[in-house]
Amino acid sequence: MKESISATLKSSETEDFFDYNVVRPMGYLWAKLFARLGTHPNTVTIILMVIGAASCFFFAHGSYHYEGISGMVFNLIGFLLLFWAYVYDCTDGQLARMTGKKSKLGRILDGAAGYAWYIPIYAALVYRFYIHHGREFDLLGIADTQANSLIATAIVLVMGFVSGVFCLASQQRTADYYIQVHLFFLKGEKGSELDNSVKQKEIYGQMPTTASWLERLIQKTYITYTLQQERRTPQFQKLMAKLHEKYGDSAIFPQSIRDEVHTNSLKLMKFVFMLVFNFRTLFLFLFCFFDFPAEYFLFEMIVITLIERYTIRRHEAFCKKISESLT
């Protein structure tokens, strides 16, 4: 059973303990069922987007402090729906590797899945704050008037926008990129999905005139995605440029260099895991469960952003060191 599950994973090194021992086995069982039904991985991705987004209705309710037991149950249901969506978020990739139905669209859809459920959830948290904000007002000594409620909600709306559009998006791009970098130096080019903007621009330029506007839009979006990843990692880009200049094809990069990058990258995986679903969603649930949903935005903007910056700094530092040794 474990060997069968492992065959549907990119690598056990890019899975945290909970994913490897709980989520992935569940995803494997779902993948087997979907494979028997002939379901395409992209269909599973669309389903998980709907399930994850549906959780916003339940997170829009106050928990025990405001709505008693029913509110607490609503928040628990929201968390369970979000967890179900996450299991499917693992399932679609496992199904793709199990059936060989991998596609560029699938990778882009998979990357967009998180935004598809977090955006409505964040909107629901802003609405929830507008309805239930007594605890925050009491702590800050603010009078609960209509004017103060509107001003405070506007501030929380800005926080939610910054948290989702800038922080969440950046953190997920960073995590995805470092996972692909790790896989690249562990398993080679075929064992990873490490893309670069130059190649993606070439693909866009070679698209036939018959390509639909949607295909072109998807490819353009992916070019932007890879460009954003590259801009955050200048030392890694220099390292890759030097390796290609010195050795040519990535298939003949020296094993000693591969091992050095892999060893340093593996040390940072525990921080990369903090940028993705499990760590983030645990705190989302705790803040909602104890009726401080707006404070989750601050947590994401400050705590998770600091973890991201630390991870980038450490990764860039060892890339610079290896790059200088090549010179």
C-alpha atoms as a PDB file:
ATOM      1  CA  MET A   1       0.000   0.000   0.000  1.00  0.00           C
ATOM      2  CA  LYS A   2       2.733   2.484   0.983  1.00  0.00           C
ATOM      3  CA  GLU A   3       4.693   1.740  -2.195  1.00  0.00           C
ATOM      4  CA  SER A   4       1.566   2.325  -4.290  1.00  0.00           C
ATOM      5  CA  ILE A   5       0.940   5.644  -2.533  1.00  0.00           C
ATOM      6  CA  SER A   6       4.592   6.693  -2.917  1.00  0.00           C
ATOM      7  CA  ALA A   7       4.351   6.062  -6.670  1.00  0.00           C
ATOM      8  CA  THR A   8       1.707   8.801  -6.879  1.00  0.00           C
ATOM      9  CA  LEU A   9       3.864  11.377  -5.016  1.00  0.00           C
ATOM     10  CA  LYS A  10       6.454  13.762  -6.373  1.00  0.00           C
ATOM     11  CA  SER A  11       8.713  12.869  -3.441  1.00  0.00           C
ATOM     12  CA  SER A  12       8.310  12.049   0.247  1.00  0.00           C
ATOM     13  CA  GLU A  13      10.778  14.868   0.959  1.00  0.00           C
ATOM     14  CA  THR A  14       8.305  17.476  -0.266  1.00  0.00           C
ATOM     15  CA  GLU A  15       5.527  16.193   2.014  1.00  0.00           C
ATOM     16  CA  ASP A  16       5.204  17.115   5.679  1.00  0.00           C
ATOM     17  CA  PHE A  17       4.395  14.461   8.300  1.00  0.00           C
ATOM     18  CA  PHE A  18       0.624  15.043   8.297  1.00  0.00           C
ATOM     19  CA  ASP A  19       0.360  15.070   4.506  1.00  0.00           C
ATOM     20  CA  TYR A  20       2.476  11.967   4.070  1.00  0.00           C
ATOM     21  CA  ASN A  21       0.715   9.900   6.745  1.00  0.00           C
ATOM     22  CA  VAL A  22      -2.870  11.198   6.584  1.00  0.00           C
ATOM     23  CA  VAL A  23      -3.749  13.336   3.568  1.00  0.00           C
ATOM     24  CA  ARG A  24      -1.866  11.463   0.855  1.00  0.00           C
ATOM     25  CA  PRO A  25      -3.290   8.011   1.788  1.00  0.00           C
ATOM     26  CA  MET A  26      -6.786   9.550   1.644  1.00  0.00           C
ATOM     27  CA  GLY A  27      -5.943  11.201  -1.669  1.00  0.00           C
ATOM     28  CA  TYR A  28      -4.695   7.892  -3.024  1.00  0.00           C
ATOM     29  CA  LEU A  29      -8.017   6.172  -2.256  1.00  0.00           C
ATOM     30  CA  TRP A  30      -9.961   8.987  -3.899  1.00  0.00           C
ATOM     31  CA  ALA A  31      -7.583   8.874  -6.898  1.00  0.00           C
ATOM     32  CA  LYS A  32      -8.229   5.142  -7.332  1.00  0.00           C
ATOM     33  CA  LEU A  33     -11.983   5.779  -7.281  1.00  0.00           C
ATOM     34  CA  PHE A  34     -11.754   8.645  -9.767  1.00  0.00           C
ATOM     35  CA  ALA A  35      -9.499   6.546 -12.003  1.00  0.00           C
ATOM     36  CA  ARG A  36     -12.124   3.777 -12.096  1.00  0.00           C
ATOM     37  CA  LEU A  37     -14.807   6.360 -12.918  1.00  0.00           C
ATOM     38  CA  GLY A  38     -12.657   7.800 -15.697  1.00  0.00           C
ATOM     39  CA  THR A  39     -12.622  11.235 -14.087  1.00  0.00           C
ATOM     40  CA  HIS A  40     -10.014  13.653 -15.445  1.00  0.00           C
ATOM     41  CA  PRO A  41      -7.673  15.285 -12.866  1.00  0.00           C
ATOM     42  CA  ASN A  42      -8.768  18.757 -14.044  1.00  0.00           C
ATOM     43  CA  THR A  43     -12.362  17.848 -13.186  1.00  0.00           C
ATOM     44  CA  VAL A  44     -11.257  16.985  -9.643  1.00  0.00           C
ATOM     45  CA  THR A  45      -9.494  20.370  -9.435  1.00  0.00           C
ATOM     46  CA  ILE A  46     -12.689  22.188 -10.413  1.00  0.00           C
ATOM     47  CA  ILE A  47     -14.680  20.172  -7.862  1.00  0.00           C
ATOM     48  CA  LEU A  48     -12.234  21.053  -5.075  1.00  0.00           C
ATOM     49  CA  MET A  49     -12.469  24.758  -5.986  1.00  0.00           C
ATOM     50  CA  VAL A  50     -16.246  24.600  -5.520  1.00  0.00           C
ATOM     51  CA  ILE A  51     -16.014  22.693  -2.223  1.00  0.00           C
ATOM     52  CA  GLY A  52     -13.345  25.010  -0.837  1.00  0.00           C
ATOM     53  CA  ALA A  53     -15.234  28.146  -1.877  1.00  0.00           C
ATOM     54  CA  ALA A  54     -18.452  26.763  -0.337  1.00  0.00           C
ATOM     55  CA  SER A  55     -16.777  26.801   3.084  1.00  0.00           C
ATOM     56  CA  CYS A  56     -16.993  30.622   3.048  1.00  0.00           C
ATOM     57  CA  PHE A  57     -20.708  30.419   3.950  1.00  0.00           C
ATOM     58  CA  PHE A  58     -19.846  28.671   7.213  1.00  0.00           C
ATOM     59  CA  PHE A  59     -16.844  30.866   8.054  1.00  0.00           C
ATOM     60  CA  ALA A  60     -19.099  33.921   7.643  1.00  0.00           C
ATOM     61  CA  HIS A  61     -20.858  32.876  10.872  1.00  0.00           C
ATOM     62  CA  GLY A  62     -19.602  33.889  14.289  1.00  0.00           C
ATOM     63  CA  SER A  63     -18.413  31.052  16.489  1.00  0.00           C
ATOM     64  CA  TYR A  64     -19.424  30.250  20.090  1.00  0.00           C
ATOM     65  CA  HIS A  65     -18.999  33.766  21.547  1.00  0.00           C
ATOM     66  CA  TYR A  66     -21.492  35.268  19.087  1.00  0.00           C
ATOM     67  CA  GLU A  67     -23.715  32.420  17.889  1.00  0.00           C
ATOM     68  CA  GLY A  68     -23.325  29.720  20.537  1.00  0.00           C
ATOM     69  CA  ILE A  69     -23.097  26.021  19.731  1.00  0.00           C
ATOM     70  CA  SER A  70     -24.612  26.461  16.264  1.00  0.00           C
ATOM     71  CA  GLY A  71     -21.942  29.025  15.351  1.00  0.00           C
ATOM     72  CA  MET A  72     -19.197  26.729  16.591  1.00  0.00           C
ATOM     73  CA  VAL A  73     -20.641  23.892  14.483  1.00  0.00           C
ATOM     74  CA  PHE A  74     -20.811  26.169  11.427  1.00  0.00           C
ATOM     75  CA  ASN A  75     -17.125  27.024  11.788  1.00  0.00           C
ATOM     76  CA  LEU A  76     -16.237  23.355  12.237  1.00  0.00           C
ATOM     77  CA  ILE A  77     -18.170  22.483   9.063  1.00  0.00           C
ATOM     78  CA  GLY A  78     -16.274  25.230   7.228  1.00  0.00           C
ATOM     79  CA  PHE A  79     -12.977  23.750   8.364  1.00  0.00           C
ATOM     80  CA  LEU A  80     -14.034  20.224   7.335  1.00  0.00           C
ATOM     81  CA  LEU A  81     -15.102  21.433   3.886  1.00  0.00           C
ATOM     82  CA  LEU A  82     -11.765  23.198   3.504  1.00  0.00           C
ATOM     83  CA  PHE A  83      -9.949  20.035   4.559  1.00  0.00           C
ATOM     84  CA  TRP A  84     -12.004  18.000   2.070  1.00  0.00           C
ATOM     85  CA  ALA A  85     -11.018  20.435  -0.673  1.00  0.00           C
ATOM     86  CA  TYR A  86      -7.376  20.075   0.365  1.00  0.00           C
ATOM     87  CA  VAL A  87      -7.571  16.278   0.161  1.00  0.00           C
ATOM     88  CA  TYR A  88      -8.865  16.690  -3.400  1.00  0.00           C
ATOM     89  CA  ASP A  89      -6.081  19.217  -4.030  1.00  0.00           C
ATOM     90  CA  CYS A  90      -3.684  16.341  -3.361  1.00  0.00           C
ATOM     91  CA  THR A  91      -5.904  13.837  -5.170  1.00  0.00           C
ATOM     92  CA  ASP A  92      -5.799  15.606  -8.543  1.00  0.00           C
ATOM     93  CA  GLY A  93      -1.998  15.425  -8.698  1.00  0.00           C
ATOM     94  CA  GLN A  94      -1.960  11.812  -7.527  1.00  0.00           C
ATOM     95  CA  LEU A  95      -4.619  10.955 -10.113  1.00  0.00           C
ATOM     96  CA  ALA A  96      -2.599  12.691 -12.849  1.00  0.00           C
ATOM     97  CA  ARG A  97       0.521  10.691 -11.973  1.00  0.00           C
ATOM     98  CA  MET A  98      -1.506   7.484 -11.606  1.00  0.00           C
ATOM     99  CA  THR A  99      -3.172   7.831 -15.018  1.00  0.00           C
ATOM    100  CA  GLY A 100      -0.500   9.807 -16.873  1.00  0.00           C
ATOM    101  CA  LYS A 101      -3.013  12.591 -17.582  1.00  0.00           C
ATOM    102  CA  LYS A 102      -0.681  15.511 -16.864  1.00  0.00           C
ATOM    103  CA  SER A 103      -1.154  18.857 -18.594  1.00  0.00           C
ATOM    104  CA  LYS A 104      -0.029  22.487 -18.445  1.00  0.00           C
ATOM    105  CA  LEU A 105      -3.631  23.483 -17.812  1.00  0.00           C
ATOM    106  CA  GLY A 106      -3.719  21.075 -14.871  1.00  0.00           C
ATOM    107  CA  ARG A 107      -0.644  22.675 -13.302  1.00  0.00           C
ATOM    108  CA  ILE A 108      -2.090  26.172 -13.716  1.00  0.00           C
ATOM    109  CA  LEU A 109      -5.507  25.119 -12.390  1.00  0.00           C
ATOM    110  CA  ASP A 110      -3.850  23.427  -9.421  1.00  0.00           C
ATOM    111  CA  GLY A 111      -1.961  26.617  -8.621  1.00  0.00           C
ATOM    112  CA  ALA A 112      -5.156  28.672  -8.900  1.00  0.00           C
ATOM    113  CA  ALA A 113      -7.196  26.326  -6.689  1.00  0.00           C
ATOM    114  CA  GLY A 114      -5.992  27.907  -3.445  1.00  0.00           C
ATOM    115  CA  TYR A 115      -6.956  31.388  -4.598  1.00  0.00           C
ATOM    116  CA  ALA A 116     -10.353  30.099  -5.709  1.00  0.00           C
ATOM    117  CA  TRP A 117     -11.288  29.117  -2.176  1.00  0.00           C
ATOM    118  CA  TYR A 118      -9.335  31.646  -0.104  1.00  0.00           C
ATOM    119  CA  ILE A 119     -10.711  34.741  -1.887  1.00  0.00           C
ATOM    120  CA  PRO A 120     -14.370  33.997  -0.970  1.00  0.00           C
ATOM    121  CA  ILE A 121     -13.277  32.934   2.519  1.00  0.00           C
ATOM    122  CA  TYR A 122     -11.442  36.225   3.035  1.00  0.00           C
ATOM    123  CA  ALA A 123     -14.500  38.134   1.789  1.00  0.00           C
ATOM    124  CA  ALA A 124     -16.634  36.144   4.248  1.00  0.00           C
ATOM    125  CA  LEU A 125     -14.271  37.057   7.112  1.00  0.00           C
ATOM    126  CA  VAL A 126     -14.627  40.760   6.286  1.00  0.00           C
ATOM    127  CA  TYR A 127     -18.424  40.408   6.289  1.00  0.00           C
ATOM    128  CA  ARG A 128     -18.224  38.441   9.532  1.00  0.00           C
ATOM    129  CA  PHE A 129     -16.209  41.220  11.156  1.00  0.00           C
ATOM    130  CA  TYR A 130     -18.814  43.777  10.110  1.00  0.00           C
ATOM    131  CA  ILE A 131     -21.540  41.709  11.804  1.00  0.00           C
ATOM    132  CA  HIS A 132     -19.506  40.547  14.813  1.00  0.00           C
ATOM    133  CA  HIS A 133     -16.758  42.874  16.067  1.00  0.00           C
ATOM    134  CA  GLY A 134     -17.678  43.393  19.710  1.00  0.00           C
ATOM    135  CA  ARG A 135     -14.636  41.571  21.100  1.00  0.00           C
ATOM    136  CA  GLU A 136     -12.165  43.711  19.134  1.00  0.00           C
ATOM    137  CA  PHE A 137     -14.005  46.939  20.005  1.00  0.00           C
ATOM    138  CA  ASP A 138     -14.044  46.007  23.713  1.00  0.00           C
ATOM    139  CA  LEU A 139     -10.306  45.251  23.711  1.00  0.00           C
ATOM    140  CA  LEU A 140      -9.489  48.534  21.964  1.00  0.00           C
ATOM    141  CA  GLY A 141     -12.016  50.597  23.900  1.00  0.00           C
ATOM    142  CA  ILE A 142     -13.913  51.642  20.765  1.00  0.00           C
ATOM    143  CA  ALA A 143     -17.573  52.615  20.938  1.00  0.00           C
ATOM    144  CA  ASP A 144     -19.727  50.259  18.865  1.00  0.00           C
ATOM    145  CA  THR A 145     -21.373  52.863  16.623  1.00  0.00           C
ATOM    146  CA  GLN A 146     -22.391  52.553  12.978  1.00  0.00           C
ATOM    147  CA  ALA A 147     -19.667  54.973  11.884  1.00  0.00           C
ATOM    148  CA  ASN A 148     -16.952  53.118  13.829  1.00  0.00           C
ATOM    149  CA  SER A 149     -18.194  49.783  12.461  1.00  0.00           C
ATOM    150  CA  LEU A 150     -17.925  51.031   8.870  1.00  0.00           C
ATOM    151  CA  ILE A 151     -14.474  52.533   9.401  1.00  0.00           C
ATOM    152  CA  ALA A 152     -13.172  49.393  11.139  1.00  0.00           C
ATOM    153  CA  THR A 153     -14.671  47.131   8.444  1.00  0.00           C
ATOM    154  CA  ALA A 154     -13.034  49.242   5.727  1.00  0.00           C
ATOM    155  CA  ILE A 155      -9.678  48.784   7.467  1.00  0.00           C
ATOM    156  CA  VAL A 156     -10.246  45.019   7.725  1.00  0.00           C
ATOM    157  CA  LEU A 157     -11.234  44.962   4.034  1.00  0.00           C
ATOM    158  CA  VAL A 158      -7.884  46.551   3.128  1.00  0.00           C
ATOM    159  CA  MET A 159      -6.112  44.062   5.402  1.00  0.00           C
ATOM    160  CA  GLY A 160      -7.914  41.184   3.694  1.00  0.00           C
ATOM    161  CA  PHE A 161      -7.011  42.539   0.262  1.00  0.00           C
ATOM    162  CA  VAL A 162      -3.315  42.923   1.147  1.00  0.00           C
ATOM    163  CA  SER A 163      -3.296  39.563   2.913  1.00  0.00           C
ATOM    164  CA  GLY A 164      -4.856  37.687   0.005  1.00  0.00           C
ATOM    165  CA  VAL A 165      -3.599  39.462  -3.103  1.00  0.00           C
ATOM    166  CA  PHE A 166      -0.050  40.160  -1.951  1.00  0.00           C
ATOM    167  CA  CYS A 167       0.865  37.918   1.004  1.00  0.00           C
ATOM    168  CA  LEU A 168      -0.997  34.683   0.212  1.00  0.00           C
ATOM    169  CA  ALA A 169      -0.185  34.844  -3.499  1.00  0.00           C
ATOM    170  CA  SER A 170       3.508  35.494  -2.855  1.00  0.00           C
ATOM    171  CA  GLN A 171       3.801  32.825  -0.180  1.00  0.00           C
ATOM    172  CA  GLN A 172       2.209  30.139  -2.325  1.00  0.00           C
ATOM    173  CA  ARG A 173       4.384  31.058  -5.331  1.00  0.00           C
ATOM    174  CA  THR A 174       7.488  30.872  -3.143  1.00  0.00           C
ATOM    175  CA  ALA A 175       6.534  27.484  -1.686  1.00  0.00           C
ATOM    176  CA  ASP A 176       5.682  26.036  -5.095  1.00  0.00           C
ATOM    177  CA  TYR A 177       8.955  27.283  -6.589  1.00  0.00           C
ATOM    178  CA  TYR A 178      11.181  25.932  -3.832  1.00  0.00           C
ATOM    179  CA  ILE A 179       9.438  22.567  -3.955  1.00  0.00           C
ATOM    180  CA  GLN A 180      10.095  22.379  -7.709  1.00  0.00           C
ATOM    181  CA  VAL A 181      13.726  23.491  -7.210  1.00  0.00           C
ATOM    182  CA  HIS A 182      14.162  20.750  -4.624  1.00  0.00           C
ATOM    183  CA  LEU A 183      12.681  18.140  -6.959  1.00  0.00           C
ATOM    184  CA  PHE A 184      14.842  19.364  -9.835  1.00  0.00           C
ATOM    185  CA  PHE A 185      18.081  18.753  -7.941  1.00  0.00           C
ATOM    186  CA  LEU A 186      16.765  15.534  -6.396  1.00  0.00           C
ATOM    187  CA  LYS A 187      15.192  13.857  -9.445  1.00  0.00           C
ATOM    188  CA  GLY A 188      16.312  15.871 -12.463  1.00  0.00           C
ATOM    189  CA  GLU A 189      14.340  17.838 -15.024  1.00  0.00           C
ATOM    190  CA  LYS A 190      11.821  15.066 -15.720  1.00  0.00           C
ATOM    191  CA  GLY A 191      11.092  14.639 -12.014  1.00  0.00           C
ATOM    192  CA  SER A 192      10.094  18.265 -11.457  1.00  0.00           C
ATOM    193  CA  GLU A 193       7.988  21.030 -12.953  1.00  0.00           C
ATOM    194  CA  LEU A 194      10.639  23.732 -12.657  1.00  0.00           C
ATOM    195  CA  ASP A 195       9.748  26.123 -15.459  1.00  0.00           C
ATOM    196  CA  ASN A 196      11.309  29.406 -16.503  1.00  0.00           C
ATOM    197  CA  SER A 197       9.851  32.505 -18.134  1.00  0.00           C
ATOM    198  CA  VAL A 198      12.159  32.402 -21.178  1.00  0.00           C
ATOM    199  CA  LYS A 199      10.939  28.946 -22.172  1.00  0.00           C
ATOM    200  CA  GLN A 200       7.323  29.892 -21.467  1.00  0.00           C
ATOM    201  CA  LYS A 201       7.660  32.982 -23.696  1.00  0.00           C
ATOM    202  CA  GLU A 202       9.029  30.765 -26.463  1.00  0.00           C
ATOM    203  CA  ILE A 203       6.047  28.442 -26.075  1.00  0.00           C
ATOM    204  CA  TYR A 204       3.716  31.441 -26.293  1.00  0.00           C
ATOM    205  CA  GLY A 205       5.476  32.717 -29.422  1.00  0.00           C
ATOM    206  CA  GLN A 206       5.177  29.310 -31.083  1.00  0.00           C
ATOM    207  CA  MET A 207       1.465  28.897 -30.372  1.00  0.00           C
ATOM    208  CA  PRO A 208      -0.472  28.300 -33.608  1.00  0.00           C
ATOM    209  CA  THR A 209      -2.788  30.973 -34.952  1.00  0.00           C
ATOM    210  CA  THR A 210      -5.648  28.557 -34.311  1.00  0.00           C
ATOM    211  CA  ALA A 211      -5.019  28.677 -30.538  1.00  0.00           C
ATOM    212  CA  SER A 212      -8.013  30.044 -28.653  1.00  0.00           C
ATOM    213  CA  TRP A 213      -7.938  33.252 -26.626  1.00  0.00           C
ATOM    214  CA  LEU A 214      -8.293  31.142 -23.485  1.00  0.00           C
ATOM    215  CA  GLU A 215      -5.179  29.084 -24.297  1.00  0.00           C
ATOM    216  CA  ARG A 216      -3.252  32.289 -24.942  1.00  0.00           C
ATOM    217  CA  LEU A 217      -4.509  33.861 -21.712  1.00  0.00           C
ATOM    218  CA  ILE A 218      -3.518  30.781 -19.705  1.00  0.00           C
ATOM    219  CA  GLN A 219      -0.028  30.776 -21.204  1.00  0.00           C
ATOM    220  CA  LYS A 220       0.403  34.523 -20.600  1.00  0.00           C
ATOM    221  CA  THR A 221      -0.719  34.071 -16.993  1.00  0.00           C
ATOM    222  CA  TYR A 222       1.830  31.315 -16.541  1.00  0.00           C
ATOM    223  CA  ILE A 223       4.593  33.519 -17.974  1.00  0.00           C
ATOM    224  CA  THR A 224       3.756  36.160 -15.355  1.00  0.00           C
ATOM    225  CA  TYR A 225       3.713  33.478 -12.640  1.00  0.00           C
ATOM    226  CA  THR A 226       7.207  32.230 -13.527  1.00  0.00           C
ATOM    227  CA  LEU A 227       8.552  35.785 -13.856  1.00  0.00           C
ATOM    228  CA  GLN A 228       7.358  36.620 -10.352  1.00  0.00           C
ATOM    229  CA  GLN A 229       9.095  33.527  -8.979  1.00  0.00           C
ATOM    230  CA  GLU A 230      12.350  34.425 -10.719  1.00  0.00           C
ATOM    231  CA  ARG A 231      12.342  38.023  -9.492  1.00  0.00           C
ATOM    232  CA  ARG A 232      12.210  36.826  -5.879  1.00  0.00           C
ATOM    233  CA  THR A 233      15.190  34.490  -6.362  1.00  0.00           C
ATOM    234  CA  PRO A 234      18.024  36.391  -8.131  1.00  0.00           C
ATOM    235  CA  GLN A 235      20.856  34.335  -6.584  1.00  0.00           C
ATOM    236  CA  PHE A 236      19.242  31.080  -7.623  1.00  0.00           C
ATOM    237  CA  GLN A 237      18.823  32.448 -11.148  1.00  0.00           C
ATOM    238  CA  LYS A 238      22.551  33.330 -11.209  1.00  0.00           C
ATOM    239  CA  LEU A 239      23.425  29.837  -9.992  1.00  0.00           C
ATOM    240  CA  MET A 240      21.342  28.206 -12.717  1.00  0.00           C
ATOM    241  CA  ALA A 241      22.831  30.518 -15.358  1.00  0.00           C
ATOM    242  CA  LYS A 242      26.375  29.611 -14.273  1.00  0.00           C
ATOM    243  CA  LEU A 243      25.590  25.904 -14.202  1.00  0.00           C
ATOM    244  CA  HIS A 244      24.150  26.014 -17.715  1.00  0.00           C
ATOM    245  CA  GLU A 245      27.075  28.131 -18.938  1.00  0.00           C
ATOM    246  CA  LYS A 246      29.658  25.769 -17.469  1.00  0.00           C
ATOM    247  CA  TYR A 247      28.022  22.376 -18.042  1.00  0.00           C
ATOM    248  CA  GLY A 248      25.349  22.952 -20.655  1.00  0.00           C
ATOM    249  CA  ASP A 249      22.472  20.518 -20.289  1.00  0.00           C
ATOM    250  CA  SER A 250      21.096  20.030 -16.753  1.00  0.00           C
ATOM    251  CA  ALA A 251      21.417  16.269 -17.185  1.00  0.00           C
ATOM    252  CA  ILE A 252      25.202  16.574 -16.785  1.00  0.00           C
ATOM    253  CA  PHE A 253      25.290  18.906 -13.792  1.00  0.00           C
ATOM    254  CA  PRO A 254      27.877  17.365 -11.381  1.00  0.00           C
ATOM    255  CA  GLN A 255      26.364  15.131  -8.724  1.00  0.00           C
ATOM    256  CA  SER A 256      28.354  16.991  -6.060  1.00  0.00           C
ATOM    257  CA  ILE A 257      26.556  20.234  -6.968  1.00  0.00           C
ATOM    258  CA  ARG A 258      23.203  18.463  -7.036  1.00  0.00           C
ATOM    259  CA  ASP A 259      23.884  16.968  -3.608  1.00  0.00           C
ATOM    260  CA  GLU A 260      24.950  20.302  -2.147  1.00  0.00           C
ATOM    261  CA  VAL A 261      21.832  22.116  -3.369  1.00  0.00           C
ATOM    262  CA  HIS A 262      19.632  19.200  -2.321  1.00  0.00           C
ATOM    263  CA  THR A 263      21.117  19.031   1.191  1.00  0.00           C
ATOM    264  CA  ASN A 264      20.688  22.761   1.798  1.00  0.00           C
ATOM    265  CA  SER A 265      17.221  22.770   0.259  1.00  0.00           C
ATOM    266  CA  LEU A 266      16.091  19.864   2.425  1.00  0.00           C
ATOM    267  CA  LYS A 267      16.979  21.833   5.581  1.00  0.00           C
ATOM    268  CA  LEU A 268      14.528  24.534   4.488  1.00  0.00           C
ATOM    269  CA  MET A 269      11.597  22.246   3.688  1.00  0.00           C
ATOM    270  CA  LYS A 270      10.173  22.642   7.210  1.00  0.00           C
ATOM    271  CA  PHE A 271       9.847  26.383   6.572  1.00  0.00           C
ATOM    272  CA  VAL A 272       8.426  25.847   3.079  1.00  0.00           C
ATOM    273  CA  PHE A 273       5.730  23.636   4.634  1.00  0.00           C
ATOM    274  CA  MET A 274       4.699  26.595   6.823  1.00  0.00           C
ATOM    275  CA  LEU A 275       3.838  28.567   3.689  1.00  0.00           C
ATOM    276  CA  VAL A 276       1.276  26.078   2.407  1.00  0.00           C
ATOM    277  CA  PHE A 277      -2.088  24.688   3.516  1.00  0.00           C
ATOM    278  CA  ASN A 278      -1.667  22.867   6.838  1.00  0.00           C
ATOM    279  CA  PHE A 279       0.062  25.555   8.900  1.00  0.00           C
ATOM    280  CA  ARG A 280      -2.000  28.392   7.422  1.00  0.00           C
ATOM    281  CA  THR A 281      -5.375  26.688   7.731  1.00  0.00           C
ATOM    282  CA  LEU A 282      -4.778  25.539  11.301  1.00  0.00           C
ATOM    283  CA  PHE A 283      -4.408  29.164  12.383  1.00  0.00           C
ATOM    284  CA  LEU A 284      -7.286  30.296  10.161  1.00  0.00           C
ATOM    285  CA  PHE A 285      -9.515  27.836  11.999  1.00  0.00           C
ATOM    286  CA  LEU A 286      -8.214  28.805  15.449  1.00  0.00           C
ATOM    287  CA  PHE A 287      -8.766  32.514  14.840  1.00  0.00           C
ATOM    288  CA  CYS A 288     -12.275  31.815  13.543  1.00  0.00           C
ATOM    289  CA  PHE A 289     -13.106  29.298  16.253  1.00  0.00           C
ATOM    290  CA  PHE A 290     -12.225  31.797  19.001  1.00  0.00           C
ATOM    291  CA  ASP A 291     -14.004  34.648  17.204  1.00  0.00           C
ATOM    292  CA  PHE A 292     -11.034  36.783  16.161  1.00  0.00           C
ATOM    293  CA  PRO A 293     -11.194  36.285  12.352  1.00  0.00           C
ATOM    294  CA  ALA A 294      -9.768  39.697  11.378  1.00  0.00           C
ATOM    295  CA  GLU A 295      -6.629  38.979  13.366  1.00  0.00           C
ATOM    296  CA  TYR A 296      -5.872  36.121  10.998  1.00  0.00           C
ATOM    297  CA  PHE A 297      -5.068  38.710   8.329  1.00  0.00           C
ATOM    298  CA  LEU A 298      -2.438  40.212  10.639  1.00  0.00           C
ATOM    299  CA  PHE A 299      -1.042  36.742  11.300  1.00  0.00           C
ATOM    300  CA  GLU A 300      -0.680  36.086   7.580  1.00  0.00           C
ATOM    301  CA  MET A 301       0.718  39.548   6.855  1.00  0.00           C
ATOM    302  CA  ILE A 302       3.294  39.448   9.655  1.00  0.00           C
ATOM    303  CA  VAL A 303       4.096  35.919  10.852  1.00  0.00           C
ATOM    304  CA  ILE A 304       3.826  33.934   7.605  1.00  0.00           C
ATOM    305  CA  THR A 305       5.459  36.753   5.637  1.00  0.00           C
ATOM    306  CA  LEU A 306       8.432  36.716   8.037  1.00  0.00           C
ATOM    307  CA  ILE A 307       8.724  32.945   7.545  1.00  0.00           C
ATOM    308  CA  GLU A 308       8.656  33.458   3.776  1.00  0.00           C
ATOM    309  CA  ARG A 309      11.335  36.186   3.907  1.00  0.00           C
ATOM    310  CA  TYR A 310      13.529  34.037   6.158  1.00  0.00           C
ATOM    311  CA  THR A 311      13.184  31.058   3.797  1.00  0.00           C
ATOM    312  CA  ILE A 312      14.080  33.164   0.756  1.00  0.00           C
ATOM    313  CA  ARG A 313      17.081  34.710   2.541  1.00  0.00           C
ATOM    314  CA  ARG A 314      18.434  31.301   3.581  1.00  0.00           C
ATOM    315  CA  HIS A 315      17.851  29.809   0.123  1.00  0.00           C
ATOM    316  CA  GLU A 316      19.448  32.749  -1.655  1.00  0.00           C
ATOM    317  CA  ALA A 317      22.447  32.637   0.716  1.00  0.00           C
ATOM    318  CA  PHE A 318      23.416  29.050  -0.071  1.00  0.00           C
ATOM    319  CA  CYS A 319      22.770  29.595  -3.794  1.00  0.00           C
ATOM    320  CA  LYS A 320      25.149  32.574  -3.736  1.00  0.00           C
ATOM    321  CA  LYS A 321      27.784  30.523  -1.910  1.00  0.00           C
ATOM    322  CA  ILE A 322      27.587  27.645  -4.418  1.00  0.00           C
ATOM    323  CA  SER A 323      27.561  30.081  -7.338  1.00  0.00           C
ATOM    324  CA  GLU A 324      30.716  31.817  -6.062  1.00  0.00           C
ATOM    325  CA  SER A 325      32.454  28.452  -5.662  1.00  0.00           C
ATOM    326  CA  LEU A 326      31.817  27.779  -9.356  1.00  0.00           C
ATOM    327  CA  THR A 327      33.552  31.023 -10.296  1.00  0.00           C
END
